[in-house]
Amino acid sequence: MAGDNVLHLDDDNFDAEVLSSQTPVLVDFWAEWCGPCHMLGPVIEELADEYAGRVKVGKVDVDQARQTAARFNIQNIPTVILFQNGKPVGSFVGVRRKAEYQALINGRLGAR
């Protein structure tokens, strides 16, 4: 359930791919059984394609990466967090319009 530009993130690679990244990383915390997560999936893939080379986009299956989900206190899904310089700089809980995710990303890209 992820396009070519969407990273599969888990407990083993999260720190290297997200927290150590030199570029912003948009992370979608989701689960296979979550209907709203499946609704959001195509938007995440579109964002990954649109921002390829400028922003990394990844997905964390909360059932498979429980430590990472707990570390960021993920209590509801989907939760989307934008990380920059290893820190969360913005987030949304629940499904939002694509334009809202774009505004979050564009705001951080301009704030370099």
PDB file of N, CA and C in Angstrom:
ATOM      1  N   MET A   1       0.819  -1.196   0.000  1.00  0.00           N
ATOM      2  CA  MET A   1       0.000   0.000   0.000  1.00  0.00           C
ATOM      3  C   MET A   1       0.861   1.257   0.000  1.00  0.00           C
ATOM      4  N   ALA A   2       1.922   1.247  -0.730  1.00  0.00           N
ATOM      5  CA  ALA A   2       2.756   2.441  -0.799  1.00  0.00           C
ATOM      6  C   ALA A   2       3.372   2.554  -2.188  1.00  0.00           C
ATOM      7  N   GLY A   3       3.433   3.785  -2.684  1.00  0.00           N
ATOM      8  CA  GLY A   3       4.018   4.029  -3.994  1.00  0.00           C
ATOM      9  C   GLY A   3       5.537   3.965  -3.951  1.00  0.00           C
ATOM     10  N   ASP A   4       6.122   4.171  -5.108  1.00  0.00           N
ATOM     11  CA  ASP A   4       7.575   4.072  -5.240  1.00  0.00           C
ATOM     12  C   ASP A   4       8.325   5.090  -4.388  1.00  0.00           C
ATOM     13  N   ASN A   5       7.733   6.248  -4.149  1.00  0.00           N
ATOM     14  CA  ASN A   5       8.416   7.296  -3.388  1.00  0.00           C
ATOM     15  C   ASN A   5       8.080   7.288  -1.903  1.00  0.00           C
ATOM     16  N   VAL A   6       7.298   6.309  -1.459  1.00  0.00           N
ATOM     17  CA  VAL A   6       6.899   6.230  -0.055  1.00  0.00           C
ATOM     18  C   VAL A   6       7.782   5.211   0.665  1.00  0.00           C
ATOM     19  N   LEU A   7       8.434   5.660   1.723  1.00  0.00           N
ATOM     20  CA  LEU A   7       9.312   4.785   2.505  1.00  0.00           C
ATOM     21  C   LEU A   7       8.500   3.925   3.468  1.00  0.00           C
ATOM     22  N   HIS A   8       8.897   2.680   3.618  1.00  0.00           N
ATOM     23  CA  HIS A   8       8.333   1.823   4.656  1.00  0.00           C
ATOM     24  C   HIS A   8       9.192   2.036   5.900  1.00  0.00           C
ATOM     25  N   LEU A   9       8.595   2.595   6.940  1.00  0.00           N
ATOM     26  CA  LEU A   9       9.330   2.884   8.172  1.00  0.00           C
ATOM     27  C   LEU A   9       8.915   1.922   9.267  1.00  0.00           C
ATOM     28  N   ASP A  10       9.892   1.534  10.101  1.00  0.00           N
ATOM     29  CA  ASP A  10       9.600   0.629  11.208  1.00  0.00           C
ATOM     30  C   ASP A  10      10.523   0.955  12.380  1.00  0.00           C
ATOM     31  N   ASP A  11      10.436   0.149  13.421  1.00  0.00           N
ATOM     32  CA  ASP A  11      11.250   0.400  14.615  1.00  0.00           C
ATOM     33  C   ASP A  11      12.743   0.377  14.308  1.00  0.00           C
ATOM     34  N   ASP A  12      13.151  -0.407  13.309  1.00  0.00           N
ATOM     35  CA  ASP A  12      14.573  -0.554  13.007  1.00  0.00           C
ATOM     36  C   ASP A  12      15.160   0.602  12.200  1.00  0.00           C
ATOM     37  N   ASN A  13      14.370   1.198  11.317  1.00  0.00           N
ATOM     38  CA  ASN A  13      14.953   2.222  10.440  1.00  0.00           C
ATOM     39  C   ASN A  13      14.449   3.638  10.697  1.00  0.00           C
ATOM     40  N   PHE A  14      13.539   3.816  11.649  1.00  0.00           N
ATOM     41  CA  PHE A  14      12.927   5.134  11.858  1.00  0.00           C
ATOM     42  C   PHE A  14      13.962   6.209  12.193  1.00  0.00           C
ATOM     43  N   ASP A  15      14.834   5.938  13.128  1.00  0.00           N
ATOM     44  CA  ASP A  15      15.821   6.953  13.527  1.00  0.00           C
ATOM     45  C   ASP A  15      16.703   7.372  12.352  1.00  0.00           C
ATOM     46  N   ALA A  16      17.186   6.400  11.594  1.00  0.00           N
ATOM     47  CA  ALA A  16      18.079   6.700  10.471  1.00  0.00           C
ATOM     48  C   ALA A  16      17.346   7.444   9.354  1.00  0.00           C
ATOM     49  N   GLU A  17      16.148   7.002   9.029  1.00  0.00           N
ATOM     50  CA  GLU A  17      15.411   7.580   7.901  1.00  0.00           C
ATOM     51  C   GLU A  17      14.722   8.902   8.244  1.00  0.00           C
ATOM     52  N   VAL A  18      14.302   9.068   9.493  1.00  0.00           N
ATOM     53  CA  VAL A  18      13.509  10.245   9.861  1.00  0.00           C
ATOM     54  C   VAL A  18      14.297  11.201  10.744  1.00  0.00           C
ATOM     55  N   LEU A  19      14.730  10.734  11.899  1.00  0.00           N
ATOM     56  CA  LEU A  19      15.344  11.635  12.870  1.00  0.00           C
ATOM     57  C   LEU A  19      16.714  12.132  12.429  1.00  0.00           C
ATOM     58  N   SER A  20      17.427  11.353  11.615  1.00  0.00           N
ATOM     59  CA  SER A  20      18.746  11.768  11.132  1.00  0.00           C
ATOM     60  C   SER A  20      18.698  12.394   9.745  1.00  0.00           C
ATOM     61  N   SER A  21      17.520  12.538   9.188  1.00  0.00           N
ATOM     62  CA  SER A  21      17.376  13.051   7.825  1.00  0.00           C
ATOM     63  C   SER A  21      17.749  14.529   7.738  1.00  0.00           C
ATOM     64  N   GLN A  22      18.428  14.868   6.662  1.00  0.00           N
ATOM     65  CA  GLN A  22      18.776  16.264   6.400  1.00  0.00           C
ATOM     66  C   GLN A  22      17.621  17.007   5.742  1.00  0.00           C
ATOM     67  N   THR A  23      16.640  16.266   5.228  1.00  0.00           N
ATOM     68  CA  THR A  23      15.471  16.869   4.610  1.00  0.00           C
ATOM     69  C   THR A  23      14.251  16.606   5.485  1.00  0.00           C
ATOM     70  N   PRO A  24      13.212  17.424   5.366  1.00  0.00           N
ATOM     71  CA  PRO A  24      11.988  17.162   6.128  1.00  0.00           C
ATOM     72  C   PRO A  24      11.410  15.796   5.764  1.00  0.00           C
ATOM     73  N   VAL A  25      10.709  15.197   6.715  1.00  0.00           N
ATOM     74  CA  VAL A  25      10.096  13.886   6.489  1.00  0.00           C
ATOM     75  C   VAL A  25       8.647  13.933   6.973  1.00  0.00           C
ATOM     76  N   LEU A  26       7.739  13.610   6.069  1.00  0.00           N
ATOM     77  CA  LEU A  26       6.327  13.510   6.409  1.00  0.00           C
ATOM     78  C   LEU A  26       6.031  12.042   6.705  1.00  0.00           C
ATOM     79  N   VAL A  27       5.527  11.766   7.910  1.00  0.00           N
ATOM     80  CA  VAL A  27       5.305  10.381   8.340  1.00  0.00           C
ATOM     81  C   VAL A  27       3.826  10.155   8.614  1.00  0.00           C
ATOM     82  N   ASP A  28       3.283   9.135   7.953  1.00  0.00           N
ATOM     83  CA  ASP A  28       1.898   8.727   8.137  1.00  0.00           C
ATOM     84  C   ASP A  28       1.875   7.497   9.037  1.00  0.00           C
ATOM     85  N   PHE A  29       1.313   7.637  10.234  1.00  0.00           N
ATOM     86  CA  PHE A  29       1.128   6.512  11.150  1.00  0.00           C
ATOM     87  C   PHE A  29      -0.248   5.916  10.845  1.00  0.00           C
ATOM     88  N   TRP A  30      -0.285   4.645  10.485  1.00  0.00           N
ATOM     89  CA  TRP A  30      -1.503   4.021  10.000  1.00  0.00           C
ATOM     90  C   TRP A  30      -1.559   2.553  10.419  1.00  0.00           C
ATOM     91  N   ALA A  31      -2.650   1.875  10.060  1.00  0.00           N
ATOM     92  CA  ALA A  31      -2.778   0.427  10.272  1.00  0.00           C
ATOM     93  C   ALA A  31      -3.635  -0.158   9.155  1.00  0.00           C
ATOM     94  N   GLU A  32      -3.385  -1.412   8.858  1.00  0.00           N
ATOM     95  CA  GLU A  32      -4.091  -2.104   7.776  1.00  0.00           C
ATOM     96  C   GLU A  32      -5.606  -2.125   7.995  1.00  0.00           C
ATOM     97  N   TRP A  33      -6.050  -2.241   9.224  1.00  0.00           N
ATOM     98  CA  TRP A  33      -7.468  -2.374   9.545  1.00  0.00           C
ATOM     99  C   TRP A  33      -8.206  -1.042   9.611  1.00  0.00           C
ATOM    100  N   CYS A  34      -7.514   0.051   9.432  1.00  0.00           N
ATOM    101  CA  CYS A  34      -8.067   1.399   9.614  1.00  0.00           C
ATOM    102  C   CYS A  34      -8.637   1.945   8.297  1.00  0.00           C
ATOM    103  N   GLY A  35      -9.961   2.070   8.228  1.00  0.00           N
ATOM    104  CA  GLY A  35     -10.608   2.585   7.027  1.00  0.00           C
ATOM    105  C   GLY A  35     -10.154   3.983   6.636  1.00  0.00           C
ATOM    106  N   PRO A  36     -10.163   4.956   7.562  1.00  0.00           N
ATOM    107  CA  PRO A  36      -9.693   6.300   7.208  1.00  0.00           C
ATOM    108  C   PRO A  36      -8.230   6.309   6.731  1.00  0.00           C
ATOM    109  N   CYS A  37      -7.426   5.400   7.250  1.00  0.00           N
ATOM    110  CA  CYS A  37      -6.024   5.317   6.811  1.00  0.00           C
ATOM    111  C   CYS A  37      -5.957   4.952   5.327  1.00  0.00           C
ATOM    112  N   HIS A  38      -6.831   4.043   4.906  1.00  0.00           N
ATOM    113  CA  HIS A  38      -6.864   3.652   3.492  1.00  0.00           C
ATOM    114  C   HIS A  38      -7.360   4.807   2.618  1.00  0.00           C
ATOM    115  N   MET A  39      -8.259   5.624   3.155  1.00  0.00           N
ATOM    116  CA  MET A  39      -8.715   6.803   2.419  1.00  0.00           C
ATOM    117  C   MET A  39      -7.574   7.794   2.224  1.00  0.00           C
ATOM    118  N   LEU A  40      -6.710   7.914   3.227  1.00  0.00           N
ATOM    119  CA  LEU A  40      -5.599   8.861   3.178  1.00  0.00           C
ATOM    120  C   LEU A  40      -4.447   8.362   2.310  1.00  0.00           C
ATOM    121  N   GLY A  41      -4.323   7.061   2.153  1.00  0.00           N
ATOM    122  CA  GLY A  41      -3.195   6.471   1.429  1.00  0.00           C
ATOM    123  C   GLY A  41      -2.881   7.105   0.085  1.00  0.00           C
ATOM    124  N   PRO A  42      -3.867   7.276  -0.799  1.00  0.00           N
ATOM    125  CA  PRO A  42      -3.568   7.891  -2.100  1.00  0.00           C
ATOM    126  C   PRO A  42      -3.046   9.318  -1.990  1.00  0.00           C
ATOM    127  N   VAL A  43      -3.516  10.062  -1.006  1.00  0.00           N
ATOM    128  CA  VAL A  43      -3.029  11.437  -0.801  1.00  0.00           C
ATOM    129  C   VAL A  43      -1.559  11.412  -0.395  1.00  0.00           C
ATOM    130  N   ILE A  44      -1.210  10.489   0.496  1.00  0.00           N
ATOM    131  CA  ILE A  44       0.189  10.359   0.930  1.00  0.00           C
ATOM    132  C   ILE A  44       1.074  10.018  -0.265  1.00  0.00           C
ATOM    133  N   GLU A  45       0.604   9.113  -1.125  1.00  0.00           N
ATOM    134  CA  GLU A  45       1.377   8.745  -2.316  1.00  0.00           C
ATOM    135  C   GLU A  45       1.546   9.935  -3.257  1.00  0.00           C
ATOM    136  N   GLU A  46       0.478  10.721  -3.431  1.00  0.00           N
ATOM    137  CA  GLU A  46       0.566  11.912  -4.279  1.00  0.00           C
ATOM    138  C   GLU A  46       1.575  12.909  -3.713  1.00  0.00           C
ATOM    139  N   LEU A  47       1.541  13.114  -2.409  1.00  0.00           N
ATOM    140  CA  LEU A  47       2.487  14.033  -1.769  1.00  0.00           C
ATOM    141  C   LEU A  47       3.924  13.529  -1.954  1.00  0.00           C
ATOM    142  N   ALA A  48       4.120  12.231  -1.818  1.00  0.00           N
ATOM    143  CA  ALA A  48       5.465  11.656  -1.996  1.00  0.00           C
ATOM    144  C   ALA A  48       5.977  11.922  -3.401  1.00  0.00           C
ATOM    145  N   ASP A  49       5.106  11.801  -4.391  1.00  0.00           N
ATOM    146  CA  ASP A  49       5.515  12.054  -5.774  1.00  0.00           C
ATOM    147  C   ASP A  49       5.773  13.540  -6.009  1.00  0.00           C
ATOM    148  N   GLU A  50       4.884  14.397  -5.501  1.00  0.00           N
ATOM    149  CA  GLU A  50       5.010  15.837  -5.714  1.00  0.00           C
ATOM    150  C   GLU A  50       6.256  16.432  -5.065  1.00  0.00           C
ATOM    151  N   TYR A  51       6.614  15.921  -3.902  1.00  0.00           N
ATOM    152  CA  TYR A  51       7.730  16.499  -3.149  1.00  0.00           C
ATOM    153  C   TYR A  51       9.006  15.664  -3.236  1.00  0.00           C
ATOM    154  N   ALA A  52       9.036  14.701  -4.142  1.00  0.00           N
ATOM    155  CA  ALA A  52      10.219  13.837  -4.300  1.00  0.00           C
ATOM    156  C   ALA A  52      11.469  14.691  -4.484  1.00  0.00           C
ATOM    157  N   GLY A  53      12.500  14.365  -3.701  1.00  0.00           N
ATOM    158  CA  GLY A  53      13.752  15.106  -3.767  1.00  0.00           C
ATOM    159  C   GLY A  53      13.823  16.279  -2.800  1.00  0.00           C
ATOM    160  N   ARG A  54      12.672  16.717  -2.302  1.00  0.00           N
ATOM    161  CA  ARG A  54      12.644  17.844  -1.360  1.00  0.00           C
ATOM    162  C   ARG A  54      12.176  17.427   0.025  1.00  0.00           C
ATOM    163  N   VAL A  55      11.264  16.452   0.055  1.00  0.00           N
ATOM    164  CA  VAL A  55      10.704  15.955   1.313  1.00  0.00           C
ATOM    165  C   VAL A  55      10.598  14.440   1.197  1.00  0.00           C
ATOM    166  N   LYS A  56      11.030  13.739   2.224  1.00  0.00           N
ATOM    167  CA  LYS A  56      10.833  12.303   2.272  1.00  0.00           C
ATOM    168  C   LYS A  56       9.448  12.035   2.851  1.00  0.00           C
ATOM    169  N   VAL A  57       8.791  11.016   2.352  1.00  0.00           N
ATOM    170  CA  VAL A  57       7.467  10.643   2.831  1.00  0.00           C
ATOM    171  C   VAL A  57       7.503   9.166   3.189  1.00  0.00           C
ATOM    172  N   GLY A  58       7.032   8.859   4.394  1.00  0.00           N
ATOM    173  CA  GLY A  58       7.049   7.468   4.834  1.00  0.00           C
ATOM    174  C   GLY A  58       5.800   7.098   5.591  1.00  0.00           C
ATOM    175  N   LYS A  59       5.600   5.789   5.729  1.00  0.00           N
ATOM    176  CA  LYS A  59       4.456   5.253   6.446  1.00  0.00           C
ATOM    177  C   LYS A  59       4.945   4.313   7.533  1.00  0.00           C
ATOM    178  N   VAL A  60       4.323   4.417   8.711  1.00  0.00           N
ATOM    179  CA  VAL A  60       4.613   3.535   9.840  1.00  0.00           C
ATOM    180  C   VAL A  60       3.342   2.760  10.164  1.00  0.00           C
ATOM    181  N   ASP A  61       3.383   1.451  10.013  1.00  0.00           N
ATOM    182  CA  ASP A  61       2.267   0.594  10.426  1.00  0.00           C
ATOM    183  C   ASP A  61       2.376   0.448  11.945  1.00  0.00           C
ATOM    184  N   VAL A  62       1.421   1.038  12.665  1.00  0.00           N
ATOM    185  CA  VAL A  62       1.513   1.073  14.126  1.00  0.00           C
ATOM    186  C   VAL A  62       1.444  -0.317  14.757  1.00  0.00           C
ATOM    187  N   ASP A  63       0.864  -1.280  14.040  1.00  0.00           N
ATOM    188  CA  ASP A  63       0.815  -2.648  14.570  1.00  0.00           C
ATOM    189  C   ASP A  63       2.162  -3.353  14.425  1.00  0.00           C
ATOM    190  N   GLN A  64       2.942  -2.940  13.443  1.00  0.00           N
ATOM    191  CA  GLN A  64       4.244  -3.547  13.196  1.00  0.00           C
ATOM    192  C   GLN A  64       5.393  -2.777  13.855  1.00  0.00           C
ATOM    193  N   ALA A  65       5.164  -1.534  14.189  1.00  0.00           N
ATOM    194  CA  ALA A  65       6.206  -0.674  14.779  1.00  0.00           C
ATOM    195  C   ALA A  65       5.673  -0.058  16.065  1.00  0.00           C
ATOM    196  N   ARG A  66       5.367  -0.908  16.995  1.00  0.00           N
ATOM    197  CA  ARG A  66       4.741  -0.457  18.252  1.00  0.00           C
ATOM    198  C   ARG A  66       5.642   0.483  19.052  1.00  0.00           C
ATOM    199  N   GLN A  67       6.942   0.221  19.062  1.00  0.00           N
ATOM    200  CA  GLN A  67       7.848   1.091  19.828  1.00  0.00           C
ATOM    201  C   GLN A  67       7.850   2.512  19.273  1.00  0.00           C
ATOM    202  N   THR A  68       7.888   2.626  17.963  1.00  0.00           N
ATOM    203  CA  THR A  68       7.901   3.952  17.343  1.00  0.00           C
ATOM    204  C   THR A  68       6.579   4.667  17.591  1.00  0.00           C
ATOM    205  N   ALA A  69       5.475   3.953  17.456  1.00  0.00           N
ATOM    206  CA  ALA A  69       4.162   4.555  17.706  1.00  0.00           C
ATOM    207  C   ALA A  69       4.056   5.035  19.156  1.00  0.00           C
ATOM    208  N   ALA A  70       4.530   4.236  20.079  1.00  0.00           N
ATOM    209  CA  ALA A  70       4.472   4.614  21.500  1.00  0.00           C
ATOM    210  C   ALA A  70       5.390   5.802  21.781  1.00  0.00           C
ATOM    211  N   ARG A  71       6.536   5.814  21.155  1.00  0.00           N
ATOM    212  CA  ARG A  71       7.513   6.879  21.359  1.00  0.00           C
ATOM    213  C   ARG A  71       6.947   8.255  21.007  1.00  0.00           C
ATOM    214  N   PHE A  72       6.076   8.287  19.989  1.00  0.00           N
ATOM    215  CA  PHE A  72       5.489   9.550  19.568  1.00  0.00           C
ATOM    216  C   PHE A  72       4.033   9.679  20.017  1.00  0.00           C
ATOM    217  N   ASN A  73       3.657   8.830  20.983  1.00  0.00           N
ATOM    218  CA  ASN A  73       2.353   8.901  21.636  1.00  0.00           C
ATOM    219  C   ASN A  73       1.198   8.887  20.637  1.00  0.00           C
ATOM    220  N   ILE A  74       1.302   7.994  19.659  1.00  0.00           N
ATOM    221  CA  ILE A  74       0.248   7.868  18.657  1.00  0.00           C
ATOM    222  C   ILE A  74      -0.924   7.132  19.289  1.00  0.00           C
ATOM    223  N   GLN A  75      -2.029   7.836  19.474  1.00  0.00           N
ATOM    224  CA  GLN A  75      -3.202   7.246  20.102  1.00  0.00           C
ATOM    225  C   GLN A  75      -4.372   7.106  19.139  1.00  0.00           C
ATOM    226  N   ASN A  76      -4.363   7.879  18.077  1.00  0.00           N
ATOM    227  CA  ASN A  76      -5.397   7.805  17.051  1.00  0.00           C
ATOM    228  C   ASN A  76      -4.729   7.772  15.691  1.00  0.00           C
ATOM    229  N   ILE A  77      -5.335   7.026  14.773  1.00  0.00           N
ATOM    230  CA  ILE A  77      -4.796   6.966  13.419  1.00  0.00           C
ATOM    231  C   ILE A  77      -5.916   7.247  12.431  1.00  0.00           C
ATOM    232  N   PRO A  78      -5.578   7.798  11.288  1.00  0.00           N
ATOM    233  CA  PRO A  78      -4.226   8.180  10.899  1.00  0.00           C
ATOM    234  C   PRO A  78      -3.735   9.423  11.645  1.00  0.00           C
ATOM    235  N   THR A  79      -2.456   9.428  11.951  1.00  0.00           N
ATOM    236  CA  THR A  79      -1.769  10.606  12.450  1.00  0.00           C
ATOM    237  C   THR A  79      -0.611  10.865  11.497  1.00  0.00           C
ATOM    238  N   VAL A  80      -0.507  12.088  11.024  1.00  0.00           N
ATOM    239  CA  VAL A  80       0.567  12.474  10.112  1.00  0.00           C
ATOM    240  C   VAL A  80       1.406  13.529  10.810  1.00  0.00           C
ATOM    241  N   ILE A  81       2.717  13.267  10.892  1.00  0.00           N
ATOM    242  CA  ILE A  81       3.642  14.195  11.552  1.00  0.00           C
ATOM    243  C   ILE A  81       4.727  14.600  10.563  1.00  0.00           C
ATOM    244  N   LEU A  82       5.010  15.889  10.512  1.00  0.00           N
ATOM    245  CA  LEU A  82       6.131  16.382   9.723  1.00  0.00           C
ATOM    246  C   LEU A  82       7.315  16.577  10.655  1.00  0.00           C
ATOM    247  N   PHE A  83       8.435  15.937  10.323  1.00  0.00           N
ATOM    248  CA  PHE A  83       9.662  16.058  11.095  1.00  0.00           C
ATOM    249  C   PHE A  83      10.650  16.904  10.313  1.00  0.00           C
ATOM    250  N   GLN A  84      11.357  17.762  11.028  1.00  0.00           N
ATOM    251  CA  GLN A  84      12.440  18.544  10.426  1.00  0.00           C
ATOM    252  C   GLN A  84      13.563  18.626  11.443  1.00  0.00           C
ATOM    253  N   ASN A  85      14.762  18.341  10.992  1.00  0.00           N
ATOM    254  CA  ASN A  85      15.932  18.321  11.875  1.00  0.00           C
ATOM    255  C   ASN A  85      15.704  17.398  13.073  1.00  0.00           C
ATOM    256  N   GLY A  86      15.027  16.286  12.828  1.00  0.00           N
ATOM    257  CA  GLY A  86      14.837  15.283  13.866  1.00  0.00           C
ATOM    258  C   GLY A  86      13.733  15.570  14.866  1.00  0.00           C
ATOM    259  N   LYS A  87      12.972  16.635  14.640  1.00  0.00           N
ATOM    260  CA  LYS A  87      11.923  17.002  15.596  1.00  0.00           C
ATOM    261  C   LYS A  87      10.577  17.159  14.894  1.00  0.00           C
ATOM    262  N   PRO A  88       9.497  16.786  15.577  1.00  0.00           N
ATOM    263  CA  PRO A  88       8.170  17.031  15.007  1.00  0.00           C
ATOM    264  C   PRO A  88       7.911  18.538  14.939  1.00  0.00           C
ATOM    265  N   VAL A  89       7.467  19.013  13.782  1.00  0.00           N
ATOM    266  CA  VAL A  89       7.219  20.447  13.611  1.00  0.00           C
ATOM    267  C   VAL A  89       5.770  20.741  13.228  1.00  0.00           C
ATOM    268  N   GLY A  90       4.975  19.702  13.071  1.00  0.00           N
ATOM    269  CA  GLY A  90       3.563  19.882  12.747  1.00  0.00           C
ATOM    270  C   GLY A  90       2.899  18.531  12.618  1.00  0.00           C
ATOM    271  N   SER A  91       1.605  18.489  12.905  1.00  0.00           N
ATOM    272  CA  SER A  91       0.912  17.204  12.802  1.00  0.00           C
ATOM    273  C   SER A  91      -0.584  17.396  12.595  1.00  0.00           C
ATOM    274  N   PHE A  92      -1.194  16.343  12.088  1.00  0.00           N
ATOM    275  CA  PHE A  92      -2.638  16.261  11.919  1.00  0.00           C
ATOM    276  C   PHE A  92      -3.093  14.896  12.396  1.00  0.00           C
ATOM    277  N   VAL A  93      -4.220  14.846  13.086  1.00  0.00           N
ATOM    278  CA  VAL A  93      -4.841  13.587  13.457  1.00  0.00           C
ATOM    279  C   VAL A  93      -6.133  13.486  12.668  1.00  0.00           C
ATOM    280  N   GLY A  94      -6.326  12.349  12.017  1.00  0.00           N
ATOM    281  CA  GLY A  94      -7.493  12.164  11.159  1.00  0.00           C
ATOM    282  C   GLY A  94      -7.169  12.554   9.733  1.00  0.00           C
ATOM    283  N   VAL A  95      -8.110  12.296   8.861  1.00  0.00           N
ATOM    284  CA  VAL A  95      -7.934  12.597   7.443  1.00  0.00           C
ATOM    285  C   VAL A  95      -8.203  14.076   7.206  1.00  0.00           C
ATOM    286  N   ARG A  96      -7.305  14.699   6.468  1.00  0.00           N
ATOM    287  CA  ARG A  96      -7.447  16.114   6.108  1.00  0.00           C
ATOM    288  C   ARG A  96      -7.410  16.248   4.592  1.00  0.00           C
ATOM    289  N   ARG A  97      -7.736  17.434   4.127  1.00  0.00           N
ATOM    290  CA  ARG A  97      -7.622  17.717   2.697  1.00  0.00           C
ATOM    291  C   ARG A  97      -6.148  17.776   2.313  1.00  0.00           C
ATOM    292  N   LYS A  98      -5.869  17.385   1.095  1.00  0.00           N
ATOM    293  CA  LYS A  98      -4.494  17.390   0.601  1.00  0.00           C
ATOM    294  C   LYS A  98      -3.861  18.774   0.759  1.00  0.00           C
ATOM    295  N   ALA A  99      -4.633  19.815   0.527  1.00  0.00           N
ATOM    296  CA  ALA A  99      -4.115  21.185   0.619  1.00  0.00           C
ATOM    297  C   ALA A  99      -3.580  21.499   2.015  1.00  0.00           C
ATOM    298  N   GLU A 100      -4.157  20.890   3.041  1.00  0.00           N
ATOM    299  CA  GLU A 100      -3.674  21.139   4.403  1.00  0.00           C
ATOM    300  C   GLU A 100      -2.286  20.541   4.612  1.00  0.00           C
ATOM    301  N   TYR A 101      -2.067  19.347   4.074  1.00  0.00           N
ATOM    302  CA  TYR A 101      -0.737  18.739   4.169  1.00  0.00           C
ATOM    303  C   TYR A 101       0.272  19.550   3.349  1.00  0.00           C
ATOM    304  N   GLN A 102      -0.162  20.004   2.177  1.00  0.00           N
ATOM    305  CA  GLN A 102       0.718  20.823   1.336  1.00  0.00           C
ATOM    306  C   GLN A 102       1.100  22.114   2.048  1.00  0.00           C
ATOM    307  N   ALA A 103       0.137  22.742   2.709  1.00  0.00           N
ATOM    308  CA  ALA A 103       0.422  23.996   3.420  1.00  0.00           C
ATOM    309  C   ALA A 103       1.428  23.763   4.547  1.00  0.00           C
ATOM    310  N   LEU A 104       1.279  22.652   5.253  1.00  0.00           N
ATOM    311  CA  LEU A 104       2.232  22.321   6.320  1.00  0.00           C
ATOM    312  C   LEU A 104       3.636  22.144   5.760  1.00  0.00           C
ATOM    313  N   ILE A 105       3.725  21.366   4.692  1.00  0.00           N
ATOM    314  CA  ILE A 105       5.041  21.113   4.067  1.00  0.00           C
ATOM    315  C   ILE A 105       5.631  22.394   3.508  1.00  0.00           C
ATOM    316  N   ASN A 106       4.828  23.135   2.741  1.00  0.00           N
ATOM    317  CA  ASN A 106       5.341  24.360   2.117  1.00  0.00           C
ATOM    318  C   ASN A 106       5.781  25.380   3.163  1.00  0.00           C
ATOM    319  N   GLY A 107       5.079  25.437   4.270  1.00  0.00           N
ATOM    320  CA  GLY A 107       5.468  26.354   5.337  1.00  0.00           C
ATOM    321  C   GLY A 107       6.827  26.022   5.904  1.00  0.00           C
ATOM    322  N   ARG A 108       7.136  24.741   6.001  1.00  0.00           N
ATOM    323  CA  ARG A 108       8.438  24.330   6.539  1.00  0.00           C
ATOM    324  C   ARG A 108       9.531  24.454   5.484  1.00  0.00           C
ATOM    325  N   LEU A 109       9.209  24.195   4.240  1.00  0.00           N
ATOM    326  CA  LEU A 109      10.228  24.344   3.193  1.00  0.00           C
ATOM    327  C   LEU A 109      10.667  25.793   3.067  1.00  0.00           C
ATOM    328  N   GLY A 110       9.738  26.701   3.291  1.00  0.00           N
ATOM    329  CA  GLY A 110      10.071  28.125   3.243  1.00  0.00           C
ATOM    330  C   GLY A 110      10.776  28.612   4.494  1.00  0.00           C
ATOM    331  N   ALA A 111      10.746  27.796   5.559  1.00  0.00           N
ATOM    332  CA  ALA A 111      11.316  28.203   6.844  1.00  0.00           C
ATOM    333  C   ALA A 111      12.712  27.660   7.064  1.00  0.00           C
ATOM    334  N   ARG A 112      13.371  27.285   6.000  1.00  0.00           N
ATOM    335  CA  ARG A 112      14.719  26.749   6.139  1.00  0.00           C
ATOM    336  C   ARG A 112      15.610  27.874   6.499  1.00  0.00           C
TER     337      ARG A 112
END
